[in-house]
Amino acid sequence: MFEVIFLQFLNGLDKGAAYALIALGLTLVFGTLGVVNFAHGALFMLGAFCAVTVRMFLTMETVTVDPTQLSPWGAPLEIREPLVQAWLGDFGAVLVNYSVPFSILITIPIMLLVGIGLERGIIKHFYKRPHAEQILVTFGLAIVAQEVIKSIFGPNPIPQPMPTDLRGAADIGAWLGMQANVITYPIWRLVYFLFAGVVIGAVFAFLQFTTFGMVVRAGMADRETVGLLGINIDRRFTIMFGLAAVVAGVAGVMYTPLLPPNYHIGMDFLVLSFVVVVVGGMGSLPGAVAAGFLLGILQSFASMNQVKAIFPGIDQIIIYLVAVVILLVRPRGLLGRRGVMEA
């Protein structure tokens, strides 16, 4: 029984890592700009399709004819190999194998530009508009992005292979001094959890220990006073919107081996992530992370057969039930600031 519970806990951390990463970006945007960004899930989707595009380029094939080898019907044998491998040899083969991690290097500048362009081109015109209008315009942007991706890549999921060295399962039980093969867990899911921890830690360190981050935190607390000090807080908030887009994008890249991306993957995660943000507290970065992992773990345990036998379908609604209870008891969320979402 311990093994089953421990595995469900690990599954919860895996789900919670994805929720926390997306919710972190949502909270950055709401906390700095006060914008309810329903296009954030589309940024997760765009990051996933950056990985798809990079792999498409890396696996473009070149065809050579080897006259020393013959096909069964006597014609010279055609040899197909990725163009990058033909150019770069073994290093090219490594790039193809590690196309998903390599995609992060391409995704970061792309998502930074997309985020800054989105904020400067559209979002800035809705800062002082009601949240309902912000939701409508950003939701519309998300729908447009979905349809563009659907027209380019089609409606079907596109599987992305993980590196061969990171396939299979890790023997966690042996790490804990137990018998071999008692508790095993997919390596890539562990990698994703560790990756999420690094990204979340980097964002918090950036905000906590850099001058730029300190100014941003001050602006989140009192924007007008920071502006009166002669600091261009709007420019810093624009950069934070770009940073939030980068966080969502790289989260999407690393999730592609776990869930083949399609055009509505962002919307699937967006709804749950908004619940995470509300539960954690609107504008609270620690709250978003804590709620992401908490709800991920609860959803994982609710998906156990023993639980579903007693409460059928509970795994589909547990997150929303918890959200309702928390908001009834504490409307500002677990770690939300006093007065936010409260009458």
C-alpha atoms as a PDB file:
ATOM      1  CA  MET A   1       0.000   0.000   0.000  1.00  0.00           C
ATOM      2  CA  PHE A   2       2.874   2.377   0.753  1.00  0.00           C
ATOM      3  CA  GLU A   3       4.186   1.881  -2.786  1.00  0.00           C
ATOM      4  CA  VAL A   4       0.824   2.820  -4.321  1.00  0.00           C
ATOM      5  CA  ILE A   5       0.474   5.935  -2.163  1.00  0.00           C
ATOM      6  CA  PHE A   6       4.050   7.016  -2.891  1.00  0.00           C
ATOM      7  CA  LEU A   7       3.531   6.605  -6.651  1.00  0.00           C
ATOM      8  CA  GLN A   8       0.330   8.652  -6.514  1.00  0.00           C
ATOM      9  CA  PHE A   9       2.238  11.317  -4.594  1.00  0.00           C
ATOM     10  CA  LEU A  10       4.857  11.405  -7.359  1.00  0.00           C
ATOM     11  CA  ASN A  11       2.095  11.623  -9.982  1.00  0.00           C
ATOM     12  CA  GLY A  12       0.655  14.541  -8.048  1.00  0.00           C
ATOM     13  CA  LEU A  13       3.995  16.338  -8.012  1.00  0.00           C
ATOM     14  CA  ASP A  14       4.256  15.808 -11.767  1.00  0.00           C
ATOM     15  CA  LYS A  15       0.803  17.269 -12.435  1.00  0.00           C
ATOM     16  CA  GLY A  16       1.335  19.977  -9.880  1.00  0.00           C
ATOM     17  CA  ALA A  17       4.573  21.039 -11.562  1.00  0.00           C
ATOM     18  CA  ALA A  18       2.721  21.750 -14.805  1.00  0.00           C
ATOM     19  CA  TYR A  19      -0.087  23.590 -13.006  1.00  0.00           C
ATOM     20  CA  ALA A  20       2.390  25.600 -10.934  1.00  0.00           C
ATOM     21  CA  LEU A  21       4.445  26.697 -13.945  1.00  0.00           C
ATOM     22  CA  ILE A  22       1.439  27.976 -15.868  1.00  0.00           C
ATOM     23  CA  ALA A  23      -0.143  29.513 -12.768  1.00  0.00           C
ATOM     24  CA  LEU A  24       3.154  31.241 -11.968  1.00  0.00           C
ATOM     25  CA  GLY A  25       3.070  33.043 -15.307  1.00  0.00           C
ATOM     26  CA  LEU A  26      -0.589  33.963 -14.866  1.00  0.00           C
ATOM     27  CA  THR A  27       0.133  35.385 -11.434  1.00  0.00           C
ATOM     28  CA  LEU A  28       3.112  37.375 -12.704  1.00  0.00           C
ATOM     29  CA  VAL A  29       0.852  39.062 -15.251  1.00  0.00           C
ATOM     30  CA  PHE A  30      -2.008  39.719 -12.837  1.00  0.00           C
ATOM     31  CA  GLY A  31       0.284  40.837 -10.033  1.00  0.00           C
ATOM     32  CA  THR A  32       2.230  43.306 -12.179  1.00  0.00           C
ATOM     33  CA  LEU A  33      -0.271  44.505 -14.775  1.00  0.00           C
ATOM     34  CA  GLY A  34      -3.584  43.641 -13.139  1.00  0.00           C
ATOM     35  CA  VAL A  35      -4.635  41.859 -16.334  1.00  0.00           C
ATOM     36  CA  VAL A  36      -6.619  38.616 -16.357  1.00  0.00           C
ATOM     37  CA  ASN A  37      -4.831  36.946 -19.265  1.00  0.00           C
ATOM     38  CA  PHE A  38      -6.920  34.171 -20.812  1.00  0.00           C
ATOM     39  CA  ALA A  39      -4.360  33.924 -23.627  1.00  0.00           C
ATOM     40  CA  HIS A  40      -1.777  32.456 -21.272  1.00  0.00           C
ATOM     41  CA  GLY A  41      -2.733  28.888 -22.138  1.00  0.00           C
ATOM     42  CA  ALA A  42      -2.092  29.731 -25.777  1.00  0.00           C
ATOM     43  CA  LEU A  43       1.463  30.688 -24.812  1.00  0.00           C
ATOM     44  CA  PHE A  44       1.898  27.201 -23.312  1.00  0.00           C
ATOM     45  CA  MET A  45       0.616  25.779 -26.604  1.00  0.00           C
ATOM     46  CA  LEU A  46       2.955  27.979 -28.674  1.00  0.00           C
ATOM     47  CA  GLY A  47       5.907  26.773 -26.633  1.00  0.00           C
ATOM     48  CA  ALA A  48       4.890  23.168 -27.281  1.00  0.00           C
ATOM     49  CA  PHE A  49       4.691  23.804 -31.011  1.00  0.00           C
ATOM     50  CA  CYS A  50       8.071  25.525 -30.958  1.00  0.00           C
ATOM     51  CA  ALA A  51       9.411  22.097 -29.932  1.00  0.00           C
ATOM     52  CA  VAL A  52       7.411  20.476 -32.747  1.00  0.00           C
ATOM     53  CA  THR A  53       8.792  22.952 -35.299  1.00  0.00           C
ATOM     54  CA  VAL A  54      12.389  22.568 -34.130  1.00  0.00           C
ATOM     55  CA  ARG A  55      12.160  18.797 -34.437  1.00  0.00           C
ATOM     56  CA  MET A  56      10.640  19.096 -37.903  1.00  0.00           C
ATOM     57  CA  PHE A  57      13.647  21.113 -39.031  1.00  0.00           C
ATOM     58  CA  LEU A  58      16.128  18.831 -37.293  1.00  0.00           C
ATOM     59  CA  THR A  59      14.636  15.713 -38.875  1.00  0.00           C
ATOM     60  CA  MET A  60      14.441  17.017 -42.434  1.00  0.00           C
ATOM     61  CA  GLU A  61      15.993  14.217 -44.445  1.00  0.00           C
ATOM     62  CA  THR A  62      18.571  14.080 -47.162  1.00  0.00           C
ATOM     63  CA  VAL A  63      18.645  11.145 -49.576  1.00  0.00           C
ATOM     64  CA  THR A  64      21.905   9.696 -50.877  1.00  0.00           C
ATOM     65  CA  VAL A  65      22.445   6.723 -53.161  1.00  0.00           C
ATOM     66  CA  ASP A  66      24.975   4.088 -52.141  1.00  0.00           C
ATOM     67  CA  PRO A  67      25.991   2.116 -55.261  1.00  0.00           C
ATOM     68  CA  THR A  68      27.832  -0.425 -53.109  1.00  0.00           C
ATOM     69  CA  GLN A  69      24.540  -1.563 -51.570  1.00  0.00           C
ATOM     70  CA  LEU A  70      21.667  -2.901 -53.640  1.00  0.00           C
ATOM     71  CA  SER A  71      17.986  -3.178 -52.893  1.00  0.00           C
ATOM     72  CA  PRO A  72      16.223  -6.578 -53.266  1.00  0.00           C
ATOM     73  CA  TRP A  73      15.372  -5.700 -56.881  1.00  0.00           C
ATOM     74  CA  GLY A  74      18.940  -4.744 -57.785  1.00  0.00           C
ATOM     75  CA  ALA A  75      18.730  -0.929 -57.693  1.00  0.00           C
ATOM     76  CA  PRO A  76      21.289   1.142 -55.737  1.00  0.00           C
ATOM     77  CA  LEU A  77      20.124   1.544 -52.148  1.00  0.00           C
ATOM     78  CA  GLU A  78      18.773   4.951 -51.060  1.00  0.00           C
ATOM     79  CA  ILE A  79      20.015   6.027 -47.632  1.00  0.00           C
ATOM     80  CA  ARG A  80      17.948   8.562 -45.708  1.00  0.00           C
ATOM     81  CA  GLU A  81      19.309  10.452 -42.727  1.00  0.00           C
ATOM     82  CA  PRO A  82      18.522  13.781 -41.043  1.00  0.00           C
ATOM     83  CA  LEU A  83      20.127  16.684 -42.883  1.00  0.00           C
ATOM     84  CA  VAL A  84      21.612  18.064 -39.661  1.00  0.00           C
ATOM     85  CA  GLN A  85      23.239  14.701 -39.018  1.00  0.00           C
ATOM     86  CA  ALA A  86      24.704  14.641 -42.509  1.00  0.00           C
ATOM     87  CA  TRP A  87      26.162  18.110 -41.924  1.00  0.00           C
ATOM     88  CA  LEU A  88      27.328  17.795 -38.307  1.00  0.00           C
ATOM     89  CA  GLY A  89      27.896  14.067 -37.917  1.00  0.00           C
ATOM     90  CA  ASP A  90      27.619  12.733 -34.379  1.00  0.00           C
ATOM     91  CA  PHE A  91      26.766  16.162 -32.970  1.00  0.00           C
ATOM     92  CA  GLY A  92      23.847  16.345 -35.378  1.00  0.00           C
ATOM     93  CA  ALA A  93      22.635  12.969 -34.135  1.00  0.00           C
ATOM     94  CA  VAL A  94      22.777  14.297 -30.564  1.00  0.00           C
ATOM     95  CA  LEU A  95      20.713  17.343 -31.569  1.00  0.00           C
ATOM     96  CA  VAL A  96      18.050  15.105 -33.100  1.00  0.00           C
ATOM     97  CA  ASN A  97      17.991  12.859 -30.046  1.00  0.00           C
ATOM     98  CA  TYR A  98      17.783  15.799 -27.620  1.00  0.00           C
ATOM     99  CA  SER A  99      15.503  17.914 -29.788  1.00  0.00           C
ATOM    100  CA  VAL A 100      13.107  18.686 -26.919  1.00  0.00           C
ATOM    101  CA  PRO A 101      15.706  20.112 -24.478  1.00  0.00           C
ATOM    102  CA  PHE A 102      17.454  21.837 -27.399  1.00  0.00           C
ATOM    103  CA  SER A 103      14.134  23.480 -28.318  1.00  0.00           C
ATOM    104  CA  ILE A 104      14.272  25.466 -25.079  1.00  0.00           C
ATOM    105  CA  LEU A 105      17.171  27.535 -26.455  1.00  0.00           C
ATOM    106  CA  ILE A 106      15.047  28.474 -29.467  1.00  0.00           C
ATOM    107  CA  THR A 107      11.824  28.917 -27.519  1.00  0.00           C
ATOM    108  CA  ILE A 108      13.118  31.416 -24.946  1.00  0.00           C
ATOM    109  CA  PRO A 109      13.837  34.323 -27.341  1.00  0.00           C
ATOM    110  CA  ILE A 110      10.755  33.550 -29.441  1.00  0.00           C
ATOM    111  CA  MET A 111       8.397  33.566 -26.462  1.00  0.00           C
ATOM    112  CA  LEU A 112      10.054  36.659 -25.014  1.00  0.00           C
ATOM    113  CA  LEU A 113       9.369  38.544 -28.256  1.00  0.00           C
ATOM    114  CA  VAL A 114       5.835  37.147 -28.496  1.00  0.00           C
ATOM    115  CA  GLY A 115       5.086  38.197 -24.923  1.00  0.00           C
ATOM    116  CA  ILE A 116       6.499  41.703 -25.287  1.00  0.00           C
ATOM    117  CA  GLY A 117       4.776  42.161 -28.644  1.00  0.00           C
ATOM    118  CA  LEU A 118       1.455  40.973 -27.236  1.00  0.00           C
ATOM    119  CA  GLU A 119       1.687  43.316 -24.264  1.00  0.00           C
ATOM    120  CA  ARG A 120       2.773  46.350 -26.284  1.00  0.00           C
ATOM    121  CA  GLY A 121       0.420  45.699 -29.193  1.00  0.00           C
ATOM    122  CA  ILE A 122      -2.813  44.756 -27.432  1.00  0.00           C
ATOM    123  CA  ILE A 123      -2.748  44.196 -23.681  1.00  0.00           C
ATOM    124  CA  LYS A 124      -1.565  47.692 -22.742  1.00  0.00           C
ATOM    125  CA  HIS A 125      -4.786  49.164 -24.147  1.00  0.00           C
ATOM    126  CA  PHE A 126      -6.846  47.212 -21.605  1.00  0.00           C
ATOM    127  CA  TYR A 127      -5.032  48.012 -18.351  1.00  0.00           C
ATOM    128  CA  LYS A 128      -7.788  50.249 -17.032  1.00  0.00           C
ATOM    129  CA  ARG A 129     -10.675  48.385 -18.617  1.00  0.00           C
ATOM    130  CA  PRO A 130     -12.945  46.030 -16.638  1.00  0.00           C
ATOM    131  CA  HIS A 131     -11.735  42.475 -16.101  1.00  0.00           C
ATOM    132  CA  ALA A 132     -14.636  41.201 -18.231  1.00  0.00           C
ATOM    133  CA  GLU A 133     -13.250  43.059 -21.259  1.00  0.00           C
ATOM    134  CA  GLN A 134      -9.735  41.776 -20.533  1.00  0.00           C
ATOM    135  CA  ILE A 135     -11.055  38.216 -20.432  1.00  0.00           C
ATOM    136  CA  LEU A 136     -12.949  38.664 -23.699  1.00  0.00           C
ATOM    137  CA  VAL A 137     -10.016  40.095 -25.650  1.00  0.00           C
ATOM    138  CA  THR A 138      -7.432  37.636 -24.321  1.00  0.00           C
ATOM    139  CA  PHE A 139      -9.804  34.693 -24.795  1.00  0.00           C
ATOM    140  CA  GLY A 140     -10.305  35.877 -28.368  1.00  0.00           C
ATOM    141  CA  LEU A 141      -6.542  35.956 -28.858  1.00  0.00           C
ATOM    142  CA  ALA A 142      -6.330  32.394 -27.538  1.00  0.00           C
ATOM    143  CA  ILE A 143      -8.976  31.220 -30.021  1.00  0.00           C
ATOM    144  CA  VAL A 144      -7.147  32.921 -32.896  1.00  0.00           C
ATOM    145  CA  ALA A 145      -3.850  31.295 -31.856  1.00  0.00           C
ATOM    146  CA  GLN A 146      -5.553  27.898 -31.670  1.00  0.00           C
ATOM    147  CA  GLU A 147      -6.998  28.211 -35.155  1.00  0.00           C
ATOM    148  CA  VAL A 148      -3.681  29.370 -36.611  1.00  0.00           C
ATOM    149  CA  ILE A 149      -1.880  26.376 -35.097  1.00  0.00           C
ATOM    150  CA  LYS A 150      -4.668  24.065 -36.281  1.00  0.00           C
ATOM    151  CA  SER A 151      -4.401  25.382 -39.855  1.00  0.00           C
ATOM    152  CA  ILE A 152      -0.610  24.920 -39.904  1.00  0.00           C
ATOM    153  CA  PHE A 153      -0.135  21.662 -38.002  1.00  0.00           C
ATOM    154  CA  GLY A 154      -3.546  20.043 -38.350  1.00  0.00           C
ATOM    155  CA  PRO A 155      -5.998  18.882 -35.674  1.00  0.00           C
ATOM    156  CA  ASN A 156      -4.225  15.701 -34.583  1.00  0.00           C
ATOM    157  CA  PRO A 157      -1.667  15.396 -31.742  1.00  0.00           C
ATOM    158  CA  ILE A 158       1.974  15.305 -32.828  1.00  0.00           C
ATOM    159  CA  PRO A 159       4.063  12.962 -30.627  1.00  0.00           C
ATOM    160  CA  GLN A 160       7.480  14.207 -29.556  1.00  0.00           C
ATOM    161  CA  PRO A 161      10.034  11.569 -28.505  1.00  0.00           C
ATOM    162  CA  MET A 162      12.066  12.045 -25.367  1.00  0.00           C
ATOM    163  CA  PRO A 163      15.842  11.466 -25.502  1.00  0.00           C
ATOM    164  CA  THR A 164      16.689   7.779 -25.596  1.00  0.00           C
ATOM    165  CA  ASP A 165      18.857   8.096 -22.479  1.00  0.00           C
ATOM    166  CA  LEU A 166      15.880   9.432 -20.512  1.00  0.00           C
ATOM    167  CA  ARG A 167      13.348   6.792 -21.487  1.00  0.00           C
ATOM    168  CA  GLY A 168      12.323   4.001 -19.189  1.00  0.00           C
ATOM    169  CA  ALA A 169      11.859   4.155 -15.444  1.00  0.00           C
ATOM    170  CA  ALA A 170      14.044   5.032 -12.478  1.00  0.00           C
ATOM    171  CA  ASP A 171      14.170   2.595  -9.568  1.00  0.00           C
ATOM    172  CA  ILE A 172      13.228   5.023  -6.815  1.00  0.00           C
ATOM    173  CA  GLY A 173      12.672   2.194  -4.349  1.00  0.00           C
ATOM    174  CA  ALA A 174      16.326   1.185  -4.645  1.00  0.00           C
ATOM    175  CA  TRP A 175      17.326   4.814  -4.015  1.00  0.00           C
ATOM    176  CA  LEU A 176      15.355   4.674  -0.770  1.00  0.00           C
ATOM    177  CA  GLY A 177      16.961   1.405   0.323  1.00  0.00           C
ATOM    178  CA  MET A 178      14.032  -0.795  -0.638  1.00  0.00           C
ATOM    179  CA  GLN A 179      13.992  -3.870  -2.844  1.00  0.00           C
ATOM    180  CA  ALA A 180      14.704  -3.345  -6.522  1.00  0.00           C
ATOM    181  CA  ASN A 181      11.761  -2.638  -8.833  1.00  0.00           C
ATOM    182  CA  VAL A 182       9.337  -2.071  -5.957  1.00  0.00           C
ATOM    183  CA  ILE A 183       8.843   1.620  -6.772  1.00  0.00           C
ATOM    184  CA  THR A 184       9.706   2.703 -10.306  1.00  0.00           C
ATOM    185  CA  TYR A 185       8.778   5.958 -12.004  1.00  0.00           C
ATOM    186  CA  PRO A 186       9.270   7.325 -15.556  1.00  0.00           C
ATOM    187  CA  ILE A 187      12.553   9.213 -15.808  1.00  0.00           C
ATOM    188  CA  TRP A 188      11.170  12.008 -17.958  1.00  0.00           C
ATOM    189  CA  ARG A 189       8.460  12.790 -15.408  1.00  0.00           C
ATOM    190  CA  LEU A 190      11.170  13.161 -12.778  1.00  0.00           C
ATOM    191  CA  VAL A 191      13.086  15.387 -15.188  1.00  0.00           C
ATOM    192  CA  TYR A 192      10.009  17.554 -15.696  1.00  0.00           C
ATOM    193  CA  PHE A 193       9.483  17.910 -11.959  1.00  0.00           C
ATOM    194  CA  LEU A 194      13.116  18.918 -11.436  1.00  0.00           C
ATOM    195  CA  PHE A 195      12.926  21.289 -14.401  1.00  0.00           C
ATOM    196  CA  ALA A 196       9.828  22.935 -12.933  1.00  0.00           C
ATOM    197  CA  GLY A 197      11.612  23.331  -9.606  1.00  0.00           C
ATOM    198  CA  VAL A 198      14.582  25.016 -11.306  1.00  0.00           C
ATOM    199  CA  VAL A 199      12.348  27.427 -13.263  1.00  0.00           C
ATOM    200  CA  ILE A 200      10.236  28.316 -10.240  1.00  0.00           C
ATOM    201  CA  GLY A 201      13.358  28.799  -8.112  1.00  0.00           C
ATOM    202  CA  ALA A 202      14.955  30.969 -10.803  1.00  0.00           C
ATOM    203  CA  VAL A 203      11.883  33.218 -11.037  1.00  0.00           C
ATOM    204  CA  PHE A 204      11.707  33.671  -7.272  1.00  0.00           C
ATOM    205  CA  ALA A 205      15.466  34.304  -7.056  1.00  0.00           C
ATOM    206  CA  PHE A 206      15.213  36.864  -9.872  1.00  0.00           C
ATOM    207  CA  LEU A 207      12.438  38.732  -8.087  1.00  0.00           C
ATOM    208  CA  GLN A 208      14.008  38.442  -4.649  1.00  0.00           C
ATOM    209  CA  PHE A 209      17.711  39.064  -5.187  1.00  0.00           C
ATOM    210  CA  THR A 210      18.065  41.342  -8.227  1.00  0.00           C
ATOM    211  CA  THR A 211      17.538  45.091  -8.315  1.00  0.00           C
ATOM    212  CA  PHE A 212      15.178  44.668 -11.249  1.00  0.00           C
ATOM    213  CA  GLY A 213      13.119  42.146  -9.301  1.00  0.00           C
ATOM    214  CA  MET A 214      13.007  44.298  -6.184  1.00  0.00           C
ATOM    215  CA  VAL A 215      11.664  47.225  -8.197  1.00  0.00           C
ATOM    216  CA  VAL A 216       9.057  44.965  -9.784  1.00  0.00           C
ATOM    217  CA  ARG A 217       7.934  43.701  -6.360  1.00  0.00           C
ATOM    218  CA  ALA A 218       7.705  47.277  -5.144  1.00  0.00           C
ATOM    219  CA  GLY A 219       5.666  48.161  -8.210  1.00  0.00           C
ATOM    220  CA  MET A 220       3.322  45.240  -7.531  1.00  0.00           C
ATOM    221  CA  ALA A 221       2.730  46.631  -4.028  1.00  0.00           C
ATOM    222  CA  ASP A 222       2.466  50.343  -4.930  1.00  0.00           C
ATOM    223  CA  ARG A 223       2.807  51.186  -8.608  1.00  0.00           C
ATOM    224  CA  GLU A 224       2.135  54.916  -8.290  1.00  0.00           C
ATOM    225  CA  THR A 225       4.773  55.530  -5.625  1.00  0.00           C
ATOM    226  CA  VAL A 226       7.443  53.704  -7.643  1.00  0.00           C
ATOM    227  CA  GLY A 227       6.515  55.782 -10.679  1.00  0.00           C
ATOM    228  CA  LEU A 228       6.869  59.000  -8.655  1.00  0.00           C
ATOM    229  CA  LEU A 229      10.470  58.004  -7.903  1.00  0.00           C
ATOM    230  CA  GLY A 230      11.279  58.420 -11.596  1.00  0.00           C
ATOM    231  CA  ILE A 231      11.417  54.689 -12.374  1.00  0.00           C
ATOM    232  CA  ASN A 232       9.900  53.526 -15.661  1.00  0.00           C
ATOM    233  CA  ILE A 233       7.822  50.787 -14.074  1.00  0.00           C
ATOM    234  CA  ASP A 234       5.772  50.236 -17.248  1.00  0.00           C
ATOM    235  CA  ARG A 235       8.870  49.060 -19.121  1.00  0.00           C
ATOM    236  CA  ARG A 236       9.743  46.651 -16.328  1.00  0.00           C
ATOM    237  CA  PHE A 237       6.208  45.283 -16.262  1.00  0.00           C
ATOM    238  CA  THR A 238       6.381  44.763 -20.027  1.00  0.00           C
ATOM    239  CA  ILE A 239       9.524  42.692 -19.534  1.00  0.00           C
ATOM    240  CA  MET A 240       7.727  40.719 -16.813  1.00  0.00           C
ATOM    241  CA  PHE A 241       4.934  39.940 -19.279  1.00  0.00           C
ATOM    242  CA  GLY A 242       7.599  38.623 -21.629  1.00  0.00           C
ATOM    243  CA  LEU A 243       9.101  36.588 -18.768  1.00  0.00           C
ATOM    244  CA  ALA A 244       5.678  35.103 -18.006  1.00  0.00           C
ATOM    245  CA  ALA A 245       5.379  34.104 -21.669  1.00  0.00           C
ATOM    246  CA  VAL A 246       8.803  32.445 -21.503  1.00  0.00           C
ATOM    247  CA  VAL A 247       7.808  30.450 -18.396  1.00  0.00           C
ATOM    248  CA  ALA A 248       4.650  29.220 -20.122  1.00  0.00           C
ATOM    249  CA  GLY A 249       6.546  28.447 -23.316  1.00  0.00           C
ATOM    250  CA  VAL A 250       9.323  26.372 -21.767  1.00  0.00           C
ATOM    251  CA  ALA A 251       6.725  24.540 -19.655  1.00  0.00           C
ATOM    252  CA  GLY A 252       4.983  23.594 -22.900  1.00  0.00           C
ATOM    253  CA  VAL A 253       8.241  22.479 -24.528  1.00  0.00           C
ATOM    254  CA  MET A 254       9.183  20.086 -21.761  1.00  0.00           C
ATOM    255  CA  TYR A 255       5.666  18.666 -21.503  1.00  0.00           C
ATOM    256  CA  THR A 256       5.510  17.530 -25.143  1.00  0.00           C
ATOM    257  CA  PRO A 257       6.976  14.036 -24.534  1.00  0.00           C
ATOM    258  CA  LEU A 258       4.373  13.469 -21.809  1.00  0.00           C
ATOM    259  CA  LEU A 259       1.352  14.698 -23.770  1.00  0.00           C
ATOM    260  CA  PRO A 260       1.560  14.991 -27.580  1.00  0.00           C
ATOM    261  CA  PRO A 261       0.661  18.615 -28.355  1.00  0.00           C
ATOM    262  CA  ASN A 262      -2.431  19.564 -30.308  1.00  0.00           C
ATOM    263  CA  TYR A 263      -4.108  22.881 -30.965  1.00  0.00           C
ATOM    264  CA  HIS A 264      -6.265  22.860 -27.800  1.00  0.00           C
ATOM    265  CA  ILE A 265      -3.634  21.706 -25.294  1.00  0.00           C
ATOM    266  CA  GLY A 266      -3.258  25.249 -23.948  1.00  0.00           C
ATOM    267  CA  MET A 267      -6.963  25.652 -23.225  1.00  0.00           C
ATOM    268  CA  ASP A 268      -7.026  22.317 -21.395  1.00  0.00           C
ATOM    269  CA  PHE A 269      -4.358  23.539 -18.980  1.00  0.00           C
ATOM    270  CA  LEU A 270      -5.604  27.122 -18.803  1.00  0.00           C
ATOM    271  CA  VAL A 271      -8.880  26.392 -17.030  1.00  0.00           C
ATOM    272  CA  LEU A 272      -7.218  24.299 -14.329  1.00  0.00           C
ATOM    273  CA  SER A 273      -4.427  26.828 -13.924  1.00  0.00           C
ATOM    274  CA  PHE A 274      -6.879  29.671 -13.379  1.00  0.00           C
ATOM    275  CA  VAL A 275      -8.485  27.631 -10.624  1.00  0.00           C
ATOM    276  CA  VAL A 276      -4.987  27.170  -9.171  1.00  0.00           C
ATOM    277  CA  VAL A 277      -4.358  30.934  -9.252  1.00  0.00           C
ATOM    278  CA  VAL A 278      -7.664  31.705  -7.549  1.00  0.00           C
ATOM    279  CA  VAL A 279      -7.115  29.054  -4.876  1.00  0.00           C
ATOM    280  CA  GLY A 280      -3.576  30.244  -4.207  1.00  0.00           C
ATOM    281  CA  GLY A 281      -4.598  33.890  -4.145  1.00  0.00           C
ATOM    282  CA  MET A 282      -4.772  36.344  -7.034  1.00  0.00           C
ATOM    283  CA  GLY A 283      -1.400  38.045  -7.364  1.00  0.00           C
ATOM    284  CA  SER A 284       0.385  35.748  -4.901  1.00  0.00           C
ATOM    285  CA  LEU A 285       3.356  33.964  -6.454  1.00  0.00           C
ATOM    286  CA  PRO A 286       3.962  31.607  -3.489  1.00  0.00           C
ATOM    287  CA  GLY A 287       0.227  30.930  -3.419  1.00  0.00           C
ATOM    288  CA  ALA A 288       0.169  29.952  -7.096  1.00  0.00           C
ATOM    289  CA  VAL A 289       3.034  27.490  -6.658  1.00  0.00           C
ATOM    290  CA  ALA A 290       1.681  26.010  -3.428  1.00  0.00           C
ATOM    291  CA  ALA A 291      -1.842  25.641  -4.825  1.00  0.00           C
ATOM    292  CA  GLY A 292      -0.493  24.080  -8.040  1.00  0.00           C
ATOM    293  CA  PHE A 293       1.261  21.285  -6.195  1.00  0.00           C
ATOM    294  CA  LEU A 294      -1.546  20.885  -3.649  1.00  0.00           C
ATOM    295  CA  LEU A 295      -4.256  20.488  -6.280  1.00  0.00           C
ATOM    296  CA  GLY A 296      -2.047  18.264  -8.419  1.00  0.00           C
ATOM    297  CA  ILE A 297      -1.536  15.890  -5.490  1.00  0.00           C
ATOM    298  CA  LEU A 298      -5.245  15.914  -4.583  1.00  0.00           C
ATOM    299  CA  GLN A 299      -6.219  15.167  -8.187  1.00  0.00           C
ATOM    300  CA  SER A 300      -3.714  12.325  -8.318  1.00  0.00           C
ATOM    301  CA  PHE A 301      -5.069  10.661  -5.181  1.00  0.00           C
ATOM    302  CA  ALA A 302      -8.638  11.197  -6.364  1.00  0.00           C
ATOM    303  CA  SER A 303      -7.828   9.228  -9.523  1.00  0.00           C
ATOM    304  CA  MET A 304      -7.059   6.062  -7.533  1.00  0.00           C
ATOM    305  CA  ASN A 305      -9.447   3.200  -8.306  1.00  0.00           C
ATOM    306  CA  GLN A 306     -10.176   2.711  -4.612  1.00  0.00           C
ATOM    307  CA  VAL A 307     -11.312   6.332  -4.310  1.00  0.00           C
ATOM    308  CA  LYS A 308     -13.308   6.340  -7.563  1.00  0.00           C
ATOM    309  CA  ALA A 309     -15.090   3.172  -6.475  1.00  0.00           C
ATOM    310  CA  ILE A 310     -16.522   5.129  -3.531  1.00  0.00           C
ATOM    311  CA  PHE A 311     -16.907   8.498  -5.286  1.00  0.00           C
ATOM    312  CA  PRO A 312     -17.322   7.903  -9.056  1.00  0.00           C
ATOM    313  CA  GLY A 313     -15.953  10.761 -11.142  1.00  0.00           C
ATOM    314  CA  ILE A 314     -14.374  12.494  -8.161  1.00  0.00           C
ATOM    315  CA  ASP A 315     -11.064  12.867 -10.041  1.00  0.00           C
ATOM    316  CA  GLN A 316     -12.783  15.142 -12.576  1.00  0.00           C
ATOM    317  CA  ILE A 317     -14.250  17.545 -10.033  1.00  0.00           C
ATOM    318  CA  ILE A 318     -11.953  17.410  -6.996  1.00  0.00           C
ATOM    319  CA  ILE A 319     -10.061  20.556  -7.995  1.00  0.00           C
ATOM    320  CA  TYR A 320     -13.271  22.535  -8.382  1.00  0.00           C
ATOM    321  CA  LEU A 321     -14.708  21.219  -5.121  1.00  0.00           C
ATOM    322  CA  VAL A 322     -11.584  22.290  -3.252  1.00  0.00           C
ATOM    323  CA  ALA A 323     -11.725  25.691  -4.952  1.00  0.00           C
ATOM    324  CA  VAL A 324     -15.339  26.214  -3.899  1.00  0.00           C
ATOM    325  CA  VAL A 325     -14.613  25.273  -0.289  1.00  0.00           C
ATOM    326  CA  ILE A 326     -11.515  27.474  -0.038  1.00  0.00           C
ATOM    327  CA  LEU A 327     -13.219  30.476  -1.626  1.00  0.00           C
ATOM    328  CA  LEU A 328     -16.206  30.149   0.688  1.00  0.00           C
ATOM    329  CA  VAL A 329     -13.959  30.036   3.744  1.00  0.00           C
ATOM    330  CA  ARG A 330     -11.197  32.375   2.524  1.00  0.00           C
ATOM    331  CA  PRO A 331     -12.240  34.409  -0.544  1.00  0.00           C
ATOM    332  CA  ARG A 332      -8.773  35.860  -1.134  1.00  0.00           C
ATOM    333  CA  GLY A 333      -7.263  32.368  -1.479  1.00  0.00           C
ATOM    334  CA  LEU A 334      -4.668  30.543   0.552  1.00  0.00           C
ATOM    335  CA  LEU A 335      -1.931  33.177   0.408  1.00  0.00           C
ATOM    336  CA  GLY A 336      -3.730  36.090  -1.252  1.00  0.00           C
ATOM    337  CA  ARG A 337      -3.326  39.664  -0.061  1.00  0.00           C
ATOM    338  CA  ARG A 338      -5.999  41.003   2.253  1.00  0.00           C
ATOM    339  CA  GLY A 339      -8.694  42.821   0.309  1.00  0.00           C
ATOM    340  CA  VAL A 340      -8.087  41.001  -2.997  1.00  0.00           C
ATOM    341  CA  MET A 341     -11.289  39.230  -4.144  1.00  0.00           C
ATOM    342  CA  GLU A 342     -12.939  40.218  -0.856  1.00  0.00           C
ATOM    343  CA  ALA A 343     -15.882  42.556  -0.408  1.00  0.00           C
END
